[in-house]
Amino acid sequence: MATVIGWVLGIYLTCYVPLTTYDLIITLVYEAPFPFGVLLGNRILNVVYKMQCFLNVFIYGWKNIMFRNAYLKMLGKNNTVDPNI
């Protein structure tokens, strides 16, 4: 379970820190209205930040057998993964 938390936290920080740093620097350097390039960079980093939520589903399915079995059950697959393997 500790590896799952490590993966989730690592992905979260990888996606969150660039956006926060960018926003902090932009707030200190520019005044409104922001140039187009600044707004585009902010939009791209917002997408990267939101990808973290999308990636969590795959991390939990990959690293946690209980989640993997629940995903298989949701998809209508009757075969489950043995947790003793």
C-alpha atoms as a PDB file:
ATOM      1  CA  MET A   1       0.000   0.000   0.000  1.00  0.00           C
ATOM      2  CA  ALA A   2       2.905   2.333   0.664  1.00  0.00           C
ATOM      3  CA  THR A   3       4.030   2.031  -2.958  1.00  0.00           C
ATOM      4  CA  VAL A   4       0.560   3.051  -4.160  1.00  0.00           C
ATOM      5  CA  ILE A   5       0.636   6.138  -1.950  1.00  0.00           C
ATOM      6  CA  GLY A   6       4.147   6.912  -3.197  1.00  0.00           C
ATOM      7  CA  TRP A   7       3.059   6.644  -6.835  1.00  0.00           C
ATOM      8  CA  VAL A   8      -0.055   8.773  -6.297  1.00  0.00           C
ATOM      9  CA  LEU A   9       1.863  11.416  -4.361  1.00  0.00           C
ATOM     10  CA  GLY A  10       4.653  11.435  -6.943  1.00  0.00           C
ATOM     11  CA  ILE A  11       2.221  11.902  -9.835  1.00  0.00           C
ATOM     12  CA  TYR A  12       0.344  14.576  -7.890  1.00  0.00           C
ATOM     13  CA  LEU A  13       3.492  16.576  -7.203  1.00  0.00           C
ATOM     14  CA  THR A  14       4.716  16.127 -10.773  1.00  0.00           C
ATOM     15  CA  CYS A  15       1.465  17.581 -12.089  1.00  0.00           C
ATOM     16  CA  TYR A  16       0.819  20.188  -9.375  1.00  0.00           C
ATOM     17  CA  VAL A  17       4.193  21.824  -8.717  1.00  0.00           C
ATOM     18  CA  PRO A  18       4.754  23.189 -12.272  1.00  0.00           C
ATOM     19  CA  LEU A  19       1.330  24.878 -12.310  1.00  0.00           C
ATOM     20  CA  THR A  20       1.766  26.404  -8.870  1.00  0.00           C
ATOM     21  CA  THR A  21       5.274  27.627  -9.653  1.00  0.00           C
ATOM     22  CA  TYR A  22       4.170  29.059 -12.992  1.00  0.00           C
ATOM     23  CA  ASP A  23       1.185  30.854 -11.431  1.00  0.00           C
ATOM     24  CA  LEU A  24       3.355  32.293  -8.668  1.00  0.00           C
ATOM     25  CA  ILE A  25       5.980  33.594 -11.100  1.00  0.00           C
ATOM     26  CA  ILE A  26       3.380  35.010 -13.496  1.00  0.00           C
ATOM     27  CA  THR A  27       1.577  36.778 -10.654  1.00  0.00           C
ATOM     28  CA  LEU A  28       4.812  38.396  -9.510  1.00  0.00           C
ATOM     29  CA  VAL A  29       6.081  39.362 -12.984  1.00  0.00           C
ATOM     30  CA  TYR A  30       3.027  40.366 -15.036  1.00  0.00           C
ATOM     31  CA  GLU A  31       0.059  42.624 -14.416  1.00  0.00           C
ATOM     32  CA  ALA A  32      -3.397  42.042 -15.915  1.00  0.00           C
ATOM     33  CA  PRO A  33      -4.227  41.763 -18.771  1.00  0.00           C
ATOM     34  CA  PHE A  34      -1.832  38.890 -19.355  1.00  0.00           C
ATOM     35  CA  PRO A  35      -0.221  38.311 -22.765  1.00  0.00           C
ATOM     36  CA  PHE A  36      -1.571  35.448 -24.890  1.00  0.00           C
ATOM     37  CA  GLY A  37       1.532  33.304 -24.357  1.00  0.00           C
ATOM     38  CA  VAL A  38       1.129  33.502 -20.590  1.00  0.00           C
ATOM     39  CA  LEU A  39      -2.525  32.455 -20.806  1.00  0.00           C
ATOM     40  CA  LEU A  40      -1.673  29.585 -23.151  1.00  0.00           C
ATOM     41  CA  GLY A  41       1.030  28.333 -20.792  1.00  0.00           C
ATOM     42  CA  ASN A  42      -1.417  28.486 -17.899  1.00  0.00           C
ATOM     43  CA  ARG A  43      -4.022  26.536 -19.897  1.00  0.00           C
ATOM     44  CA  ILE A  44      -1.514  23.819 -20.826  1.00  0.00           C
ATOM     45  CA  LEU A  45      -0.332  23.429 -17.236  1.00  0.00           C
ATOM     46  CA  ASN A  46      -3.958  23.248 -16.049  1.00  0.00           C
ATOM     47  CA  VAL A  47      -4.508  20.311 -18.404  1.00  0.00           C
ATOM     48  CA  VAL A  48      -1.363  18.606 -17.060  1.00  0.00           C
ATOM     49  CA  TYR A  49      -2.607  19.189 -13.511  1.00  0.00           C
ATOM     50  CA  LYS A  50      -6.007  17.673 -14.284  1.00  0.00           C
ATOM     51  CA  MET A  51      -4.357  14.643 -15.883  1.00  0.00           C
ATOM     52  CA  GLN A  52      -3.354  13.613 -12.356  1.00  0.00           C
ATOM     53  CA  CYS A  53      -6.953  12.617 -11.622  1.00  0.00           C
ATOM     54  CA  PHE A  54      -7.051  10.558 -14.810  1.00  0.00           C
ATOM     55  CA  LEU A  55      -3.763   8.812 -13.977  1.00  0.00           C
ATOM     56  CA  ASN A  56      -4.862   7.822 -10.451  1.00  0.00           C
ATOM     57  CA  VAL A  57      -7.361   5.331 -11.864  1.00  0.00           C
ATOM     58  CA  PHE A  58      -4.597   3.508 -13.704  1.00  0.00           C
ATOM     59  CA  ILE A  59      -2.161   3.637 -10.786  1.00  0.00           C
ATOM     60  CA  TYR A  60      -4.677   2.086  -8.404  1.00  0.00           C
ATOM     61  CA  GLY A  61      -5.650  -0.541 -10.975  1.00  0.00           C
ATOM     62  CA  TRP A  62      -2.017  -1.404 -11.593  1.00  0.00           C
ATOM     63  CA  LYS A  63      -0.750  -1.502  -8.021  1.00  0.00           C
ATOM     64  CA  ASN A  64      -3.781  -2.535  -5.894  1.00  0.00           C
ATOM     65  CA  ILE A  65      -5.348  -5.964  -6.414  1.00  0.00           C
ATOM     66  CA  MET A  66      -8.640  -5.019  -4.733  1.00  0.00           C
ATOM     67  CA  PHE A  67      -9.101  -2.081  -7.101  1.00  0.00           C
ATOM     68  CA  ARG A  68      -8.099  -4.240 -10.059  1.00  0.00           C
ATOM     69  CA  ASN A  69     -10.734  -6.836  -9.140  1.00  0.00           C
ATOM     70  CA  ALA A  70     -13.349  -4.073  -8.747  1.00  0.00           C
ATOM     71  CA  TYR A  71     -12.456  -2.691 -12.193  1.00  0.00           C
ATOM     72  CA  LEU A  72     -12.757  -6.157 -13.729  1.00  0.00           C
ATOM     73  CA  LYS A  73     -16.123  -6.637 -12.023  1.00  0.00           C
ATOM     74  CA  MET A  74     -17.348  -3.247 -13.333  1.00  0.00           C
ATOM     75  CA  LEU A  75     -16.304  -4.212 -16.859  1.00  0.00           C
ATOM     76  CA  GLY A  76     -18.278  -7.446 -16.597  1.00  0.00           C
ATOM     77  CA  LYS A  77     -15.286  -9.760 -16.367  1.00  0.00           C
ATOM     78  CA  ASN A  78     -15.862 -12.630 -13.955  1.00  0.00           C
ATOM     79  CA  ASN A  79     -12.219 -13.598 -13.608  1.00  0.00           C
ATOM     80  CA  THR A  80     -10.433 -11.956 -10.708  1.00  0.00           C
ATOM     81  CA  VAL A  81      -6.780 -11.671  -9.831  1.00  0.00           C
ATOM     82  CA  ASP A  82      -5.555 -13.889  -7.001  1.00  0.00           C
ATOM     83  CA  PRO A  83      -4.054 -11.675  -4.255  1.00  0.00           C
ATOM     84  CA  ASN A  84      -1.647 -14.445  -3.224  1.00  0.00           C
ATOM     85  CA  ILE A  85       0.345 -14.293  -6.453  1.00  0.00           C
END
